[in-house]
Amino acid sequence: MANWSEGYISDIDYTYGYYAELSPNNVKIPFLMAGLEAPKFTSACELGFGQGMSINAHAAASDVKWYGTDFNPSQASFAKELADISGSAAHIFDQSFGEFCNREDLPDFDFIGLHGIWSWVSNDNRDIITDFIRRKLKVGGVLYISYNTLPGWAAASPIRHMLTEHDHMHGSRGQGIGKRVKASIEFNQDLLKLCQPLIQQVPSIPQRLEDISKQNSNYLAHEYFNREWQPMYFSEMADWLSPTKTNFACSASFLEDYNPSSYNNEQLAFIETLDDPMFAQSVKDYMHNKQFRRDYWVKGARKISVAKSEQIWHQLRFKMIANAENIKYEVNGAAGTIALREDIFKTVVTLLSDHKIHQVADLQQRLPDDFEQNWLFESLAILHAQGHIILVQEDAVIEKVQEHCRRLNAYIMQQSLVSPELAALVSPLTGSATTYGRFHLIFLHAYIQGKTTREQWVDYAWQALKKNNQLLLKDGNTLQEEKDNIQELNQMVDSFEKDTLPIVKRLQIVD
């Protein structure tokens, strides 16, 4: 009998992560900064959506028509439940890639996204995926794909191999994957004590295994215990995608392409000697010992003229959600922390500090005459990548999706009373979501129930904990006394009241 999971871990659910790179709305800024034209997104597809947080967030908060599949029926069932709650009409399937990708009722897509799944599927499934992209991604359409990358994963390969080998040889199928993960990690820790030649060659291995042991067991099961696992060099990914007629566009994170914070002067000088931009990507991965890539590819890349780029920029609308006093005029990157020109960035931040929606053309008019236009564009791109400002959708879209967002957010906040798993709230302004800690979600749920004081928020959270026989942890220790739990909740309320509540209001997540 064929194994429906095809070697992928299926006896433990994947984590409930949200990934903003899967939002087509987040393509615009990286593409503009790369000098490329992005399409108008009307249809999108996510392959291997896990618990479905991302596909549901983006379906609820935008006017894009979403389709997606995940082979795990329990995960697809949960994702379908979220779609029903929001009323987004996302098309959710529990089919294998082979079944889904050969459906005859699928439209062509402006956007296809895969987060991480590429590294853990077989070559047969990769063939199916690339054929699907070739056939179903529209000309001009964008592919988002993220994957474990070499050379960064080379040092961890021995750990991953022995974890899976131990589980294969000694793991009891009736034991449950959580216990099997723990047993394999402990075996590897004992083994490494006897592997001095390996440690001398790769000194980072013991610390890496120690870090692994502290991670979520559900995540570890999917990350390390699948039968298929293949990190790739960028050039290998390019070879796989060659039949799809897509070309590398840019990183899904603009700051990873921002040279001043990503490379030192010596590295930049070396990169400038390279004629082939694709080869340059491989060289950059070596410089950073890259472990994970998050990239946009495009079918039929079109360079955008300066005039057209300016026209698109001027039509965009931004809103600042951060408190101006919290913004640090610096960028952290692989090359370290670099200072930004405070005179430039502070000018832009001041214009946006009223937390209203501003069109870029209007901002341009309010700038000093000697303020160069490219300074404005770069400032907005950096502030957006750092999460200080948001790119705002059209008013008609905002109005259309508000009820979908409200319903999904209400459910997620309600679930925070019993579980920390769901953490992303969607914004009708952005078409995407942001994540919050469990207790900030509980405080927020109290707020929408009409409770307006700090004391009420703390009591609401404490009652939720007591109802579920739960206590808080602090510094690895369980707080046994009620007064200690309440004291810790009061400390959490400080940052909620000062930062989180104002931000969710500015995102129109709550009124």
Protein backbone atom coordinates (compact mmCIF):
# COMPACT_ATOMS: atom_id res chain seq x y z
CA MET A 1 0.00 0.00 0.00
CA ALA A 2 1.35 3.46 -0.91
CA ASN A 3 2.26 5.73 1.99
CA TRP A 4 0.07 8.82 1.58
CA SER A 5 2.55 10.96 3.52
CA GLU A 6 5.38 10.05 1.12
CA GLY A 7 7.98 10.07 3.89
CA TYR A 8 6.91 13.42 5.34
CA ILE A 9 6.23 13.54 9.09
CA SER A 10 2.46 13.22 9.45
CA ASP A 11 1.86 11.93 12.99
CA ILE A 12 2.45 15.34 14.56
CA ASP A 13 0.97 18.62 13.36
CA TYR A 14 3.14 21.37 11.99
CA THR A 15 3.47 24.65 13.90
CA TYR A 16 1.00 27.50 13.39
CA GLY A 17 3.48 29.95 11.90
CA TYR A 18 2.63 32.99 9.81
CA TYR A 19 4.93 34.10 6.96
CA ALA A 20 4.47 37.60 5.58
CA GLU A 21 6.60 36.86 2.50
CA LEU A 22 3.68 34.81 1.18
CA SER A 23 1.60 38.00 0.86
CA PRO A 24 1.64 39.34 -2.71
CA ASN A 25 1.31 42.84 -1.24
CA ASN A 26 4.82 42.50 0.14
CA VAL A 27 6.28 42.02 -3.35
CA LYS A 28 5.89 45.67 -4.37
CA ILE A 29 8.65 47.36 -2.39
CA PRO A 30 11.43 44.77 -2.99
CA PHE A 31 10.57 44.79 -6.71
CA LEU A 32 10.64 48.57 -6.96
CA MET A 33 13.99 48.73 -5.15
CA ALA A 34 15.31 46.06 -7.53
CA GLY A 35 14.14 48.09 -10.54
CA LEU A 36 11.49 45.55 -11.55
CA GLU A 37 7.81 45.83 -12.41
CA ALA A 38 5.40 43.74 -10.33
CA PRO A 39 2.06 42.53 -11.70
CA LYS A 40 -1.37 43.31 -10.31
CA PHE A 41 -2.24 40.33 -8.14
CA THR A 42 -5.71 38.83 -8.53
CA SER A 43 -5.09 35.10 -8.02
CA ALA A 44 -2.59 33.27 -5.85
CA CYS A 45 -1.66 29.76 -4.72
CA GLU A 46 0.19 28.36 -1.73
CA LEU A 47 1.64 24.86 -1.98
CA GLY A 48 2.11 23.05 1.34
CA PHE A 49 0.35 25.59 3.58
CA GLY A 50 0.82 23.68 6.86
CA GLN A 51 -1.83 24.81 9.34
CA GLY A 52 -2.98 27.44 6.85
CA MET A 53 -2.35 30.59 8.88
CA SER A 54 -0.71 32.45 6.01
CA ILE A 55 -3.15 31.50 3.27
CA ASN A 56 -6.10 32.37 5.50
CA ALA A 57 -4.62 35.66 6.64
CA HIS A 58 -3.96 36.75 3.06
CA ALA A 59 -7.31 35.50 1.77
CA ALA A 60 -9.20 37.31 4.55
CA ALA A 61 -7.29 40.59 4.33
CA SER A 62 -7.01 41.08 0.56
CA ASP A 63 -9.11 40.84 -2.59
CA VAL A 64 -6.78 38.20 -4.05
CA LYS A 65 -8.46 34.86 -4.84
CA TRP A 66 -6.50 32.16 -3.02
CA TYR A 67 -6.04 28.45 -3.68
CA GLY A 68 -3.84 26.02 -1.78
CA THR A 69 -3.19 22.45 -0.72
CA ASP A 70 -1.55 20.53 2.09
CA PHE A 71 -1.38 16.75 2.03
CA ASN A 72 -2.10 16.43 5.78
CA PRO A 73 -5.90 16.14 6.18
CA SER A 74 -5.97 17.36 9.78
CA GLN A 75 -4.05 20.50 8.82
CA ALA A 76 -6.21 21.08 5.76
CA SER A 77 -9.33 20.62 7.91
CA PHE A 78 -8.12 23.28 10.33
CA ALA A 79 -7.25 25.62 7.46
CA LYS A 80 -10.71 25.08 5.97
CA GLU A 81 -12.26 25.89 9.35
CA LEU A 82 -10.39 29.20 9.43
CA ALA A 83 -11.59 30.00 5.92
CA ASP A 84 -15.18 29.30 6.93
CA ILE A 85 -14.82 31.48 10.04
CA SER A 86 -13.49 34.46 8.09
CA GLY A 87 -15.80 33.93 5.11
CA SER A 88 -12.91 34.56 2.75
CA ALA A 89 -13.88 31.78 0.29
CA ALA A 90 -10.29 30.54 0.10
CA HIS A 91 -10.12 27.29 -1.87
CA ILE A 92 -8.53 24.78 0.54
CA PHE A 93 -7.58 21.23 -0.48
CA ASP A 94 -5.95 18.25 1.28
CA GLN A 95 -4.46 16.77 -1.87
CA SER A 96 -0.92 15.69 -2.64
CA PHE A 97 1.04 17.88 -5.02
CA GLY A 98 0.48 15.29 -7.74
CA GLU A 99 -3.31 15.42 -7.30
CA PHE A 100 -3.64 19.16 -6.78
CA CYS A 101 -1.25 20.29 -9.50
CA ASN A 102 -3.10 18.26 -12.10
CA ARG A 103 -6.55 19.60 -11.28
CA GLU A 104 -8.29 20.96 -14.36
CA ASP A 105 -10.38 23.54 -12.49
CA LEU A 106 -7.50 25.75 -11.29
CA PRO A 107 -7.00 29.24 -12.75
CA ASP A 108 -3.64 30.62 -13.83
CA PHE A 109 -1.92 32.46 -11.00
CA ASP A 110 -0.22 35.83 -10.58
CA PHE A 111 1.56 34.51 -7.49
CA ILE A 112 2.65 31.05 -6.34
CA GLY A 113 4.26 30.59 -2.94
CA LEU A 114 6.10 27.77 -1.15
CA HIS A 115 7.52 28.36 2.30
CA GLY A 116 10.19 25.83 3.28
CA ILE A 117 8.45 22.81 1.80
CA TRP A 118 10.90 22.55 -1.11
CA SER A 119 13.65 21.25 1.18
CA TRP A 120 11.61 18.32 2.48
CA VAL A 121 9.96 16.81 -0.60
CA SER A 122 11.23 14.21 -3.02
CA ASN A 123 12.69 14.95 -6.44
CA ASP A 124 9.52 13.49 -7.94
CA ASN A 125 7.50 16.11 -6.10
CA ARG A 126 9.94 18.81 -7.15
CA ASP A 127 9.32 17.79 -10.75
CA ILE A 128 5.57 18.10 -10.17
CA ILE A 129 5.99 21.53 -8.55
CA THR A 130 8.21 22.95 -11.26
CA ASP A 131 5.88 21.64 -13.97
CA PHE A 132 2.98 23.31 -12.15
CA ILE A 133 4.85 26.61 -12.00
CA ARG A 134 5.69 26.34 -15.70
CA ARG A 135 2.05 25.74 -16.65
CA LYS A 136 0.12 27.81 -14.12
CA LEU A 137 2.21 30.89 -13.30
CA LYS A 138 1.17 33.73 -15.57
CA VAL A 139 3.66 35.63 -17.66
CA GLY A 140 4.86 38.40 -15.36
CA GLY A 141 3.79 36.35 -12.34
CA VAL A 142 5.85 36.04 -9.17
CA LEU A 143 7.12 32.90 -7.44
CA TYR A 144 8.04 33.03 -3.75
CA ILE A 145 10.18 30.13 -2.62
CA SER A 146 12.18 29.62 0.56
CA TYR A 147 14.49 26.73 1.29
CA ASN A 148 17.39 25.47 3.39
CA THR A 149 20.57 26.66 1.75
CA LEU A 150 24.15 25.55 1.35
CA PRO A 151 26.82 26.19 2.43
CA GLY A 152 25.13 27.25 5.65
CA TRP A 153 23.59 23.85 6.37
CA ALA A 154 26.76 21.88 5.62
CA ALA A 155 28.00 21.96 9.22
CA ALA A 156 24.64 20.73 10.57
CA SER A 157 24.31 17.89 8.09
CA PRO A 158 25.97 15.29 10.38
CA ILE A 159 23.55 16.16 13.19
CA ARG A 160 20.51 15.87 10.99
CA HIS A 161 21.70 12.58 9.51
CA MET A 162 22.32 10.94 12.88
CA LEU A 163 19.02 12.22 14.30
CA THR A 164 17.08 10.55 11.51
CA GLU A 165 19.27 7.42 11.55
CA HIS A 166 18.77 6.93 15.29
CA ASP A 167 15.03 7.41 14.92
CA HIS A 168 14.94 4.98 12.01
CA MET A 169 16.82 2.29 13.93
CA HIS A 170 15.50 2.77 17.46
CA GLY A 171 12.39 4.93 17.35
CA SER A 172 9.21 3.05 18.24
CA ARG A 173 6.32 3.94 15.94
CA GLY A 174 3.97 3.63 18.91
CA GLN A 175 6.03 5.95 21.06
CA GLY A 176 5.00 9.23 19.43
CA ILE A 177 7.24 11.61 17.55
CA GLY A 178 7.75 13.96 20.52
CA LYS A 179 9.45 11.27 22.62
CA ARG A 180 11.36 10.03 19.59
CA VAL A 181 12.75 13.51 18.96
CA LYS A 182 13.89 13.77 22.59
CA ALA A 183 15.50 10.32 22.51
CA SER A 184 17.40 11.04 19.29
CA ILE A 185 18.72 14.35 20.61
CA GLU A 186 19.94 12.75 23.84
CA PHE A 187 21.64 9.97 21.85
CA ASN A 188 23.43 12.53 19.68
CA GLN A 189 24.56 14.50 22.71
CA ASP A 190 26.11 11.35 24.19
CA LEU A 191 27.65 10.42 20.84
CA LEU A 192 29.28 13.81 20.31
CA LYS A 193 31.23 13.44 23.55
CA LEU A 194 33.11 10.63 21.79
CA CYS A 195 33.61 12.39 18.43
CA GLN A 196 36.56 14.69 18.99
CA PRO A 197 37.86 14.58 15.39
CA LEU A 198 34.45 15.72 14.13
CA ILE A 199 34.19 18.47 16.73
CA GLN A 200 37.71 19.66 15.95
CA GLN A 201 36.73 20.01 12.30
CA VAL A 202 33.29 21.54 13.03
CA PRO A 203 33.52 23.18 16.50
CA SER A 204 30.00 24.61 16.26
CA ILE A 205 28.26 21.21 16.28
CA PRO A 206 27.82 20.76 20.09
CA GLN A 207 26.33 24.23 20.50
CA ARG A 208 24.10 23.71 17.50
CA LEU A 209 22.73 20.49 18.97
CA GLU A 210 22.21 22.25 22.32
CA ASP A 211 20.23 24.99 20.55
CA ILE A 212 18.18 22.36 18.71
CA SER A 213 17.28 20.64 21.98
CA LYS A 214 15.52 23.81 23.18
CA GLN A 215 13.28 24.20 20.12
CA ASN A 216 9.64 23.25 19.64
CA SER A 217 9.37 19.47 19.18
CA ASN A 218 6.71 19.84 16.46
CA TYR A 219 9.05 22.08 14.49
CA LEU A 220 12.01 19.74 15.03
CA ALA A 221 10.03 16.73 13.85
CA HIS A 222 9.28 18.39 10.52
CA GLU A 223 12.67 20.07 10.20
CA TYR A 224 14.91 17.11 11.01
CA PHE A 225 12.99 13.83 10.88
CA ASN A 226 11.51 13.67 7.39
CA ARG A 227 12.77 10.99 5.05
CA GLU A 228 13.49 13.60 2.38
CA TRP A 229 15.76 16.52 3.15
CA GLN A 230 17.94 18.35 0.70
CA PRO A 231 19.43 21.77 1.31
CA MET A 232 20.59 23.35 -1.93
CA TYR A 233 23.07 25.78 -3.34
CA PHE A 234 21.47 28.72 -5.11
CA SER A 235 22.82 27.46 -8.45
CA GLU A 236 21.05 24.14 -7.91
CA MET A 237 17.77 25.94 -7.25
CA ALA A 238 18.29 27.93 -10.43
CA ASP A 239 18.75 24.68 -12.35
CA TRP A 240 15.53 23.26 -10.90
CA LEU A 241 13.57 26.39 -11.81
CA SER A 242 15.04 26.77 -15.29
CA PRO A 243 12.15 24.89 -16.98
CA THR A 244 9.62 27.24 -15.34
CA LYS A 245 11.00 30.21 -17.32
CA THR A 246 11.34 32.21 -14.11
CA ASN A 247 14.32 34.40 -13.28
CA PHE A 248 15.64 35.40 -9.89
CA ALA A 249 14.25 38.80 -8.97
CA CYS A 250 15.34 39.70 -5.44
CA SER A 251 15.22 38.65 -1.82
CA ALA A 252 11.77 38.73 -0.24
CA SER A 253 13.37 40.81 2.50
CA PHE A 254 14.62 44.11 1.08
CA LEU A 255 17.17 44.54 3.87
CA GLU A 256 18.93 41.34 2.76
CA ASP A 257 19.60 43.12 -0.55
CA TYR A 258 20.58 46.40 1.13
CA ASN A 259 24.30 46.44 0.49
CA PRO A 260 25.48 48.92 3.18
CA SER A 261 24.33 46.67 6.03
CA SER A 262 24.83 43.33 4.26
CA TYR A 263 28.44 43.55 3.03
CA ASN A 264 31.58 45.33 4.11
CA ASN A 265 33.60 47.40 1.65
CA GLU A 266 35.99 44.55 0.84
CA GLN A 267 33.10 42.19 0.09
CA LEU A 268 31.34 44.78 -2.07
CA ALA A 269 34.49 45.37 -4.06
CA PHE A 270 34.80 41.63 -4.68
CA ILE A 271 31.15 41.33 -5.73
CA GLU A 272 31.56 44.20 -8.20
CA THR A 273 34.17 42.18 -10.11
CA LEU A 274 31.52 39.56 -10.97
CA ASP A 275 29.76 39.92 -14.32
CA ASP A 276 27.05 37.29 -13.82
CA PRO A 277 24.35 38.34 -11.29
CA MET A 278 23.27 34.72 -10.76
CA PHE A 279 26.83 33.67 -9.89
CA ALA A 280 26.97 36.67 -7.58
CA GLN A 281 24.10 35.19 -5.56
CA SER A 282 26.15 32.05 -4.93
CA VAL A 283 29.15 34.12 -3.91
CA LYS A 284 26.99 36.13 -1.48
CA ASP A 285 25.73 32.90 0.11
CA TYR A 286 29.33 31.87 0.76
CA MET A 287 30.12 35.26 2.30
CA HIS A 288 27.18 34.92 4.71
CA ASN A 289 27.36 31.13 5.12
CA LYS A 290 23.67 31.32 4.21
CA GLN A 291 21.36 28.77 5.84
CA PHE A 292 17.96 29.87 4.52
CA ARG A 293 16.92 31.82 1.45
CA ARG A 294 13.61 33.65 0.96
CA ASP A 295 13.44 34.70 -2.67
CA TYR A 296 11.13 36.11 -5.30
CA TRP A 297 11.42 34.82 -8.85
CA VAL A 298 9.46 36.23 -11.80
CA LYS A 299 8.33 34.79 -15.11
CA GLY A 300 9.45 37.37 -17.61
CA ALA A 301 11.31 39.96 -15.55
CA ARG A 302 10.70 43.49 -16.81
CA LYS A 303 13.05 46.29 -15.91
CA ILE A 304 11.10 49.35 -14.98
CA SER A 305 12.02 52.80 -16.29
CA VAL A 306 12.90 55.57 -13.87
CA ALA A 307 9.82 57.51 -14.93
CA LYS A 308 7.51 54.52 -14.42
CA SER A 309 9.13 53.71 -11.08
CA GLU A 310 8.56 57.28 -9.87
CA GLN A 311 4.95 57.13 -11.03
CA ILE A 312 4.30 53.91 -9.09
CA TRP A 313 6.05 55.20 -5.97
CA HIS A 314 4.00 58.39 -6.00
CA GLN A 315 0.75 56.39 -6.05
CA LEU A 316 1.68 54.27 -3.01
CA ARG A 317 0.23 55.06 0.40
CA PHE A 318 2.00 54.56 3.73
CA LYS A 319 1.07 54.85 7.38
CA MET A 320 3.39 54.84 10.35
CA ILE A 321 2.37 52.38 13.07
CA ALA A 322 5.42 52.62 15.33
CA ASN A 323 5.90 55.29 17.96
CA ALA A 324 8.40 57.79 16.57
CA GLU A 325 10.43 57.76 19.78
CA ASN A 326 10.99 54.00 19.42
CA ILE A 327 12.59 54.24 15.98
CA LYS A 328 16.35 53.81 15.94
CA TYR A 329 18.06 55.28 12.92
CA GLU A 330 20.18 52.26 12.16
CA VAL A 331 20.03 48.99 10.23
CA ASN A 332 21.24 45.63 11.56
CA GLY A 333 22.63 43.30 8.93
CA ALA A 334 25.23 40.65 8.23
CA ALA A 335 27.93 43.32 8.06
CA GLY A 336 26.93 44.70 11.45
CA THR A 337 24.94 47.71 12.53
CA ILE A 338 25.16 50.80 10.35
CA ALA A 339 23.91 54.26 11.18
CA LEU A 340 21.37 55.87 8.87
CA ARG A 341 21.46 59.54 8.02
CA GLU A 342 19.30 60.87 10.80
CA ASP A 343 18.64 64.17 9.03
CA ILE A 344 17.07 62.26 6.10
CA PHE A 345 15.13 59.63 8.00
CA LYS A 346 13.93 61.95 10.74
CA THR A 347 12.47 64.26 8.09
CA VAL A 348 10.42 61.38 6.65
CA VAL A 349 9.43 60.04 10.07
CA THR A 350 8.25 63.50 11.14
CA LEU A 351 5.92 63.69 8.12
CA LEU A 352 4.44 60.30 9.02
CA SER A 353 4.34 60.72 12.79
CA ASP A 354 0.67 61.75 12.84
CA HIS A 355 -0.13 58.06 12.09
CA LYS A 356 -2.39 59.00 9.20
CA ILE A 357 -2.34 57.53 5.69
CA HIS A 358 -0.13 59.53 3.34
CA GLN A 359 0.32 59.19 -0.41
CA VAL A 360 3.96 59.38 -1.45
CA ALA A 361 3.22 62.15 -3.96
CA ASP A 362 1.88 64.28 -1.10
CA LEU A 363 4.92 63.51 1.05
CA GLN A 364 7.14 64.60 -1.85
CA GLN A 365 5.41 67.97 -2.00
CA ARG A 366 6.02 68.60 1.70
CA LEU A 367 9.74 67.87 1.62
CA PRO A 368 12.40 70.57 1.39
CA ASP A 369 13.47 71.47 -2.15
CA ASP A 370 16.95 70.01 -1.64
CA PHE A 371 15.59 66.66 -0.40
CA GLU A 372 16.40 64.17 -3.16
CA GLN A 373 13.59 61.92 -4.36
CA ASN A 374 15.63 58.73 -4.07
CA TRP A 375 16.24 59.55 -0.41
CA LEU A 376 12.49 59.46 0.15
CA PHE A 377 12.05 56.14 -1.67
CA GLU A 378 14.94 54.46 0.14
CA SER A 379 13.78 55.77 3.52
CA LEU A 380 10.29 54.41 2.95
CA ALA A 381 11.66 51.03 1.82
CA ILE A 382 13.85 50.69 4.91
CA LEU A 383 11.19 51.86 7.35
CA HIS A 384 8.74 49.44 5.74
CA ALA A 385 11.18 46.52 5.93
CA GLN A 386 11.79 47.29 9.60
CA GLY A 387 8.05 47.25 10.31
CA HIS A 388 7.80 50.89 11.36
CA ILE A 389 5.44 51.80 8.52
CA ILE A 390 2.91 49.84 6.47
CA LEU A 391 1.96 49.92 2.81
CA VAL A 392 -1.79 50.63 2.68
CA GLN A 393 -4.24 48.97 0.30
CA GLU A 394 -6.82 50.81 -1.78
CA ASP A 395 -9.85 52.08 0.15
CA ALA A 396 -12.25 49.86 -1.80
CA VAL A 397 -10.26 46.77 -0.82
CA ILE A 398 -10.07 47.85 2.83
CA GLU A 399 -13.84 48.24 2.98
CA LYS A 400 -14.39 44.88 1.26
CA VAL A 401 -12.22 42.85 3.65
CA GLN A 402 -12.98 44.46 7.01
CA GLU A 403 -15.61 41.95 8.06
CA HIS A 404 -13.46 38.97 7.03
CA CYS A 405 -10.60 40.36 9.12
CA ARG A 406 -12.84 41.08 12.10
CA ARG A 407 -14.21 37.53 12.16
CA LEU A 408 -10.82 35.85 11.84
CA ASN A 409 -9.22 38.11 14.46
CA ALA A 410 -12.06 37.53 16.91
CA TYR A 411 -11.55 33.78 16.63
CA ILE A 412 -7.77 34.00 17.10
CA MET A 413 -8.12 36.23 20.16
CA GLN A 414 -10.72 33.86 21.60
CA GLN A 415 -8.34 30.91 21.11
CA SER A 416 -5.58 32.73 23.00
CA LEU A 417 -7.58 32.13 26.18
CA VAL A 418 -6.76 28.42 26.00
CA SER A 419 -3.71 28.07 23.72
CA PRO A 420 -0.62 30.02 22.58
CA GLU A 421 -0.58 28.45 19.11
CA LEU A 422 -2.47 31.06 17.06
CA ALA A 423 -0.60 34.34 17.17
CA ALA A 424 -1.24 36.30 13.94
CA LEU A 425 -3.88 39.02 13.57
CA VAL A 426 -4.81 40.34 10.14
CA SER A 427 -5.06 43.98 9.13
CA PRO A 428 -7.49 45.25 6.48
CA LEU A 429 -5.03 48.05 5.77
CA THR A 430 -2.10 45.85 4.76
CA GLY A 431 -3.61 42.66 3.36
CA SER A 432 -1.31 40.71 5.68
CA ALA A 433 -0.82 39.94 9.36
CA THR A 434 1.44 40.56 12.32
CA THR A 435 2.17 38.25 15.25
CA TYR A 436 1.74 38.94 18.96
CA GLY A 437 2.45 37.14 22.22
CA ARG A 438 -0.32 35.10 23.80
CA PHE A 439 -0.96 37.41 26.73
CA HIS A 440 -1.10 40.51 24.57
CA LEU A 441 -3.79 38.68 22.58
CA ILE A 442 -5.65 37.92 25.83
CA PHE A 443 -5.41 41.55 26.91
CA LEU A 444 -6.67 42.54 23.48
CA HIS A 445 -9.57 40.11 23.77
CA ALA A 446 -10.44 41.73 27.09
CA TYR A 447 -10.28 45.13 25.42
CA ILE A 448 -12.77 44.20 22.70
CA GLN A 449 -15.06 42.81 25.41
CA GLY A 450 -15.30 46.35 26.77
CA LYS A 451 -12.71 46.11 29.54
CA THR A 452 -10.68 49.32 29.45
CA THR A 453 -8.39 49.36 32.51
CA ARG A 454 -5.09 47.68 33.23
CA GLU A 455 -6.57 45.98 36.28
CA GLN A 456 -9.36 44.48 34.20
CA TRP A 457 -6.95 43.21 31.55
CA VAL A 458 -4.74 41.54 34.15
CA ASP A 459 -7.69 39.97 35.95
CA TYR A 460 -9.10 38.71 32.62
CA ALA A 461 -5.80 37.01 31.80
CA TRP A 462 -5.44 35.54 35.29
CA GLN A 463 -8.97 34.11 35.19
CA ALA A 464 -8.17 32.50 31.81
CA LEU A 465 -5.05 30.89 33.30
CA LYS A 466 -6.91 29.60 36.34
CA LYS A 467 -9.73 28.18 34.23
CA ASN A 468 -7.18 26.12 32.29
CA ASN A 469 -5.11 25.16 35.35
CA GLN A 470 -2.13 27.06 33.98
CA LEU A 471 0.60 29.09 35.64
CA LEU A 472 3.21 31.44 34.24
CA LEU A 473 6.87 30.64 33.83
CA LYS A 474 9.62 33.09 34.72
CA ASP A 475 13.32 32.36 34.20
CA GLY A 476 12.42 28.72 33.60
CA ASN A 477 10.57 28.39 36.90
CA THR A 478 6.81 28.02 37.43
CA LEU A 479 5.25 30.84 39.45
CA GLN A 480 3.19 28.99 42.04
CA GLU A 481 1.70 31.92 43.95
CA GLU A 482 -1.22 33.97 42.63
CA LYS A 483 0.45 37.25 43.57
CA ASP A 484 3.56 36.34 41.57
CA ASN A 485 1.48 35.49 38.49
CA ILE A 486 -0.43 38.74 38.76
CA GLN A 487 2.78 40.70 39.22
CA GLU A 488 4.19 39.14 36.03
CA LEU A 489 0.97 39.90 34.14
CA ASN A 490 1.20 43.53 35.31
CA GLN A 491 4.64 43.77 33.77
CA MET A 492 3.27 42.38 30.49
CA VAL A 493 0.49 44.95 30.53
CA ASP A 494 3.04 47.77 30.49
CA SER A 495 4.30 46.96 27.00
CA PHE A 496 0.79 46.07 25.82
CA GLU A 497 -0.61 49.43 26.85
CA LYS A 498 2.37 51.44 25.61
CA ASP A 499 3.13 49.66 22.32
CA THR A 500 0.81 46.84 21.24
CA LEU A 501 -2.60 48.48 21.77
CA PRO A 502 -1.72 51.67 19.86
CA ILE A 503 -0.26 49.61 16.99
CA VAL A 504 -3.28 47.32 16.58
CA LYS A 505 -5.52 50.38 16.57
CA ARG A 506 -3.41 51.97 13.83
CA LEU A 507 -3.64 48.72 11.86
CA GLN A 508 -7.45 48.84 12.30
CA ILE A 509 -7.37 45.40 13.92
CA VAL A 510 -9.50 46.92 16.70
CA ASP A 511 -11.24 50.27 17.01
